[in-house]
């Protein structure tokens, strides 16, 4: 009995303790993502669009998925006949990827890029990852992505749009692991500074009109100039409060 009590009270080794904490944290974040993720149909539609964009990559080369999560985008690439490789730091998400049979490694995304040969891939993709990175890490991601891409290769970064008040308050602020909101002009500037050309921003996930402020119609018994001024102000407020919730940066090597 004394031996059993001694064994039961013995604290776990540091390695076991770290592994246990890591597993708990990984599982908790996967559960968080599952609760607040967009629908499967919406996710598939978005990823199909990105696959179409990346079909123009040079030489039929591979695409890297940084922070690949549960591997849905890697599956979309595979379905289109595009070779994809992913990296993910979350152990539970990696286990899901492995069960799906996609090519993924667990590790740090910057080290993953550094371990990739220069000019060897046709695309680099990351959805809802950039906002998790401290500015120096984000800049390293851009520099390393530029290095590993073939000439004409495409970088796509999808992130939350902080120019939308709804996007900032209801999307960005919901996730405690978000590091810093990224203004689209700032991210575009950083990509250009890293050497990319043909940098553009595409707004995504518009807020439904029924959730926005209403304009006055012609049936309202008010002078025309008053209605016009009111509607102009409503349009400005809607653009500020209910702008697109997300955007995607597209940049060519």
Protein backbone atom coordinates (compact mmCIF):
# COMPACT_ATOMS: atom_id res chain seq x y z
CA UNK A 1 0.00 0.00 0.00
CA UNK A 2 2.79 2.41 0.89
CA UNK A 3 4.45 1.66 -2.42
CA UNK A 4 1.21 2.32 -4.30
CA UNK A 5 0.68 5.64 -2.51
CA UNK A 6 4.26 6.68 -3.28
CA UNK A 7 3.83 5.87 -6.97
CA UNK A 8 0.46 7.65 -7.12
CA UNK A 9 1.85 10.81 -5.56
CA UNK A 10 5.00 10.89 -7.68
CA UNK A 11 4.81 13.90 -10.03
CA UNK A 12 5.12 13.25 -13.76
CA UNK A 13 8.41 13.95 -15.49
CA UNK A 14 8.80 17.38 -17.17
CA UNK A 15 8.55 15.70 -20.57
CA UNK A 16 5.28 13.96 -19.69
CA UNK A 17 3.88 17.13 -18.13
CA UNK A 18 4.70 19.17 -21.24
CA UNK A 19 3.22 16.54 -23.53
CA UNK A 20 0.03 16.40 -21.47
CA UNK A 21 -0.35 20.18 -21.42
CA UNK A 22 0.35 20.37 -25.15
CA UNK A 23 -2.27 17.72 -25.93
CA UNK A 24 -4.86 19.49 -23.79
CA UNK A 25 -4.13 22.86 -25.41
CA UNK A 26 -4.18 21.39 -28.93
CA UNK A 27 -7.50 19.61 -28.35
CA UNK A 28 -9.07 22.71 -26.81
CA UNK A 29 -8.15 24.89 -29.79
CA UNK A 30 -9.45 22.34 -32.28
CA UNK A 31 -12.72 22.30 -30.34
CA UNK A 32 -12.81 26.12 -30.47
CA UNK A 33 -12.27 26.10 -34.25
CA UNK A 34 -14.94 23.46 -34.74
CA UNK A 35 -17.47 25.59 -32.88
CA UNK A 36 -16.85 28.83 -34.77
CA UNK A 37 -15.67 27.64 -38.19
CA UNK A 38 -17.72 28.43 -41.28
CA UNK A 39 -19.97 25.72 -42.69
CA UNK A 40 -18.45 22.84 -44.66
CA UNK A 41 -20.14 24.08 -47.86
CA UNK A 42 -18.84 27.63 -47.40
CA UNK A 43 -15.35 26.35 -46.63
CA UNK A 44 -15.35 24.06 -49.67
CA UNK A 45 -16.54 26.88 -51.94
CA UNK A 46 -13.82 29.22 -50.66
CA UNK A 47 -11.10 26.60 -51.04
CA UNK A 48 -12.26 25.65 -54.54
CA UNK A 49 -11.78 29.29 -55.54
CA UNK A 50 -8.23 29.34 -54.17
CA UNK A 51 -7.46 26.06 -55.94
CA UNK A 52 -8.58 27.74 -59.15
CA UNK A 53 -6.27 30.68 -58.47
CA UNK A 54 -3.35 28.32 -57.83
CA UNK A 55 -4.02 26.29 -60.97
CA UNK A 56 -2.11 29.06 -62.77
CA UNK A 57 1.07 28.34 -60.81
CA UNK A 58 4.25 27.74 -62.85
CA UNK A 59 5.26 24.29 -63.99
CA UNK A 60 2.63 22.28 -62.13
CA UNK A 61 4.74 22.51 -58.99
CA UNK A 62 3.68 21.82 -55.41
CA UNK A 63 1.75 24.16 -53.12
CA UNK A 64 2.61 24.70 -49.46
CA UNK A 65 -0.21 25.12 -46.91
CA UNK A 66 1.07 26.95 -43.83
CA UNK A 67 -0.96 26.28 -40.69
CA UNK A 68 -3.00 23.69 -42.58
CA UNK A 69 -5.37 22.94 -39.67
CA UNK A 70 -7.48 19.86 -40.34
CA UNK A 71 -6.21 19.55 -43.91
CA UNK A 72 -9.32 20.62 -45.85
CA UNK A 73 -7.34 22.76 -48.29
CA UNK A 74 -4.80 19.99 -48.86
CA UNK A 75 -7.71 17.70 -49.69
CA UNK A 76 -9.09 20.30 -52.13
CA UNK A 77 -5.67 20.51 -53.81
CA UNK A 78 -5.45 16.72 -54.07
CA UNK A 79 -8.93 16.52 -55.58
CA UNK A 80 -7.78 18.95 -58.30
CA UNK A 81 -4.63 16.92 -58.97
CA UNK A 82 -2.31 19.46 -57.32
CA UNK A 83 0.43 18.20 -55.02
CA UNK A 84 0.26 19.89 -51.61
CA UNK A 85 2.38 19.78 -48.47
CA UNK A 86 1.26 21.21 -45.15
CA UNK A 87 2.72 22.23 -41.82
CA UNK A 88 0.75 22.55 -38.58
CA UNK A 89 1.82 23.11 -34.97
CA UNK A 90 -1.36 21.77 -33.36
CA UNK A 91 -0.91 18.09 -32.49
CA UNK A 92 -4.64 17.28 -32.58
CA UNK A 93 -5.05 18.89 -36.01
CA UNK A 94 -2.03 16.98 -37.32
CA UNK A 95 -3.63 13.74 -36.14
CA UNK A 96 -6.78 14.62 -38.10
CA UNK A 97 -4.66 15.34 -41.19
CA UNK A 98 -2.82 12.06 -40.88
CA UNK A 99 -6.12 10.19 -40.63
CA UNK A 100 -7.15 11.83 -43.91
CA UNK A 101 -3.91 10.73 -45.57
CA UNK A 102 -2.69 14.21 -46.55
CA UNK A 103 1.00 15.18 -46.58
CA UNK A 104 1.57 17.15 -43.38
CA UNK A 105 4.32 17.61 -40.81
CA UNK A 106 4.05 18.98 -37.32
CA UNK A 107 6.36 21.91 -36.79
CA UNK A 108 7.07 25.62 -37.02
CA UNK A 109 5.96 27.23 -40.27
CA UNK A 110 9.04 29.47 -40.60
CA UNK A 111 11.39 26.52 -40.13
CA UNK A 112 9.26 24.56 -42.59
CA UNK A 113 9.81 27.31 -45.17
CA UNK A 114 13.54 27.52 -44.40
CA UNK A 115 13.82 23.77 -44.95
CA UNK A 116 12.25 24.17 -48.42
CA UNK A 117 14.59 24.72 -51.35
CA UNK A 118 14.63 28.13 -53.04
CA UNK A 119 12.46 28.42 -56.14
CA UNK A 120 10.98 24.97 -55.68
CA UNK A 121 7.20 25.50 -55.23
CA UNK A 122 4.44 27.08 -57.24
CA UNK A 123 2.25 28.38 -54.43
CA UNK A 124 2.22 29.27 -50.76
CA UNK A 125 -1.13 29.43 -48.99
CA UNK A 126 -2.21 30.33 -45.46
CA UNK A 127 -5.82 30.85 -44.32
CA UNK A 128 -6.49 32.60 -41.01
CA UNK A 129 -2.83 32.29 -39.97
CA UNK A 130 -1.23 35.71 -40.53
CA UNK A 131 -3.21 37.36 -37.71
CA UNK A 132 -1.73 34.83 -35.25
CA UNK A 133 1.85 35.91 -35.97
CA UNK A 134 3.93 38.62 -34.28
CA UNK A 135 5.10 41.22 -36.84
CA UNK A 136 8.71 39.89 -37.10
CA UNK A 137 7.41 36.36 -37.75
CA UNK A 138 4.94 37.64 -40.35
CA UNK A 139 7.74 39.49 -42.13
CA UNK A 140 9.87 36.33 -42.05
CA UNK A 141 6.95 34.38 -43.56
CA UNK A 142 6.76 36.85 -46.46
CA UNK A 143 10.51 36.82 -47.10
CA UNK A 144 10.78 33.03 -46.93
CA UNK A 145 7.68 32.55 -49.08
CA UNK A 146 9.21 34.80 -51.74
CA UNK A 147 12.42 32.75 -51.59
CA UNK A 148 10.79 29.32 -51.99
CA UNK A 149 8.43 30.31 -54.81
CA UNK A 150 9.27 29.83 -58.46
CA UNK A 151 9.13 32.96 -60.64
CA UNK A 152 5.43 33.56 -61.27
CA UNK A 153 4.48 31.59 -58.15
CA UNK A 154 1.53 32.80 -56.09
CA UNK A 155 1.22 33.64 -52.40
CA UNK A 156 -2.29 33.75 -50.94
CA UNK A 157 -2.87 34.93 -47.36
CA UNK A 158 -6.43 35.04 -46.04
CA UNK A 159 -7.07 37.01 -42.85
CA UNK A 160 -9.66 39.06 -40.92
CA UNK A 161 -10.52 42.50 -42.27
CA UNK A 162 -10.01 45.04 -39.43
CA UNK A 163 -11.45 47.86 -41.57
CA UNK A 164 -14.84 46.29 -40.86
CA UNK A 165 -16.00 47.03 -37.31
CA UNK A 166 -18.01 43.81 -37.34
CA UNK A 167 -14.99 41.88 -38.58
CA UNK A 168 -12.79 43.36 -35.87
CA UNK A 169 -15.23 42.93 -32.98
CA UNK A 170 -17.01 39.71 -33.91
CA UNK A 171 -14.29 37.77 -35.74
CA UNK A 172 -10.85 39.00 -34.70
CA UNK A 173 -11.61 39.61 -31.02
CA UNK A 174 -13.30 36.23 -30.57
CA UNK A 175 -10.02 34.31 -30.80
CA UNK A 176 -7.62 34.83 -27.90
CA UNK A 177 -4.71 33.50 -29.94
CA UNK A 178 -4.91 36.33 -32.47
CA UNK A 179 -1.82 38.52 -32.25
CA UNK A 180 -2.55 41.67 -34.22
CA UNK A 181 -5.16 42.79 -36.78
CA UNK A 182 -3.64 43.38 -40.22
CA UNK A 183 -4.85 46.35 -42.22
CA UNK A 184 -5.01 45.26 -45.88
CA UNK A 185 -2.84 48.18 -46.98
CA UNK A 186 -0.23 47.25 -44.39
CA UNK A 187 -0.10 43.60 -45.47
CA UNK A 188 0.10 44.64 -49.13
CA UNK A 189 2.98 47.00 -48.32
CA UNK A 190 4.87 44.29 -46.42
CA UNK A 191 4.44 41.86 -49.32
CA UNK A 192 5.78 44.45 -51.77
CA UNK A 193 8.72 45.17 -49.44
CA UNK A 194 9.49 41.42 -49.38
CA UNK A 195 9.91 41.48 -53.16
CA UNK A 196 6.47 40.44 -54.43
CA UNK A 197 4.89 42.04 -57.48
CA UNK A 198 1.31 42.20 -58.74
CA UNK A 199 0.07 42.54 -55.15
CA UNK A 200 -3.69 42.85 -54.80
CA UNK A 201 -6.31 42.50 -52.09
CA UNK A 202 -9.66 40.77 -52.57
CA UNK A 203 -12.43 41.42 -50.07
CA UNK A 204 -14.33 38.35 -48.88
CA UNK A 205 -17.33 37.36 -46.75
CA UNK A 206 -19.71 40.31 -47.19
CA UNK A 207 -22.28 40.93 -44.48
CA UNK A 208 -25.82 40.18 -45.64
CA UNK A 209 -27.86 43.32 -46.50
CA UNK A 210 -30.59 42.37 -44.01
CA UNK A 211 -28.02 42.70 -41.20
CA UNK A 212 -26.99 46.19 -42.29
CA UNK A 213 -28.56 49.62 -41.74
CA UNK A 214 -31.54 50.31 -44.02
CA UNK A 215 -31.70 53.05 -46.62
CA UNK A 216 -34.82 55.16 -47.11
CA UNK A 217 -36.86 54.44 -50.20
CA UNK A 218 -38.86 56.75 -52.44
CA UNK A 219 -42.09 56.10 -50.53
CA UNK A 220 -40.90 58.18 -47.57
CA UNK A 221 -42.60 61.60 -47.51
CA UNK A 222 -39.42 63.67 -47.22
CA UNK A 223 -37.72 66.10 -49.59
CA UNK A 224 -35.42 64.41 -52.11
CA UNK A 225 -32.22 66.08 -50.87
CA UNK A 226 -32.95 64.90 -47.32
CA UNK A 227 -33.43 61.30 -48.45
CA UNK A 228 -30.27 61.47 -50.58
CA UNK A 229 -28.19 62.83 -47.68
CA UNK A 230 -29.60 60.23 -45.28
CA UNK A 231 -28.89 57.36 -47.69
CA UNK A 232 -25.37 58.61 -48.36
CA UNK A 233 -24.66 58.59 -44.62
CA UNK A 234 -26.20 55.11 -44.29
CA UNK A 235 -23.93 53.84 -47.07
CA UNK A 236 -20.86 55.29 -45.34
CA UNK A 237 -21.83 53.75 -42.02
CA UNK A 238 -22.53 50.37 -43.61
CA UNK A 239 -19.11 50.40 -45.26
CA UNK A 240 -17.49 51.11 -41.90
CA UNK A 241 -19.60 48.90 -39.65
CA UNK A 242 -20.48 46.04 -41.98
CA UNK A 243 -17.65 45.84 -44.48
CA UNK A 244 -16.41 42.46 -45.70
CA UNK A 245 -15.32 40.33 -42.73
CA UNK A 246 -12.21 38.90 -44.39
CA UNK A 247 -9.83 39.56 -47.23
CA UNK A 248 -7.22 37.64 -49.19
CA UNK A 249 -3.86 39.00 -50.26
CA UNK A 250 -2.65 37.70 -53.64
CA UNK A 251 1.00 38.35 -54.50
CA UNK A 252 3.15 37.07 -57.39
CA UNK A 253 6.82 36.14 -57.13
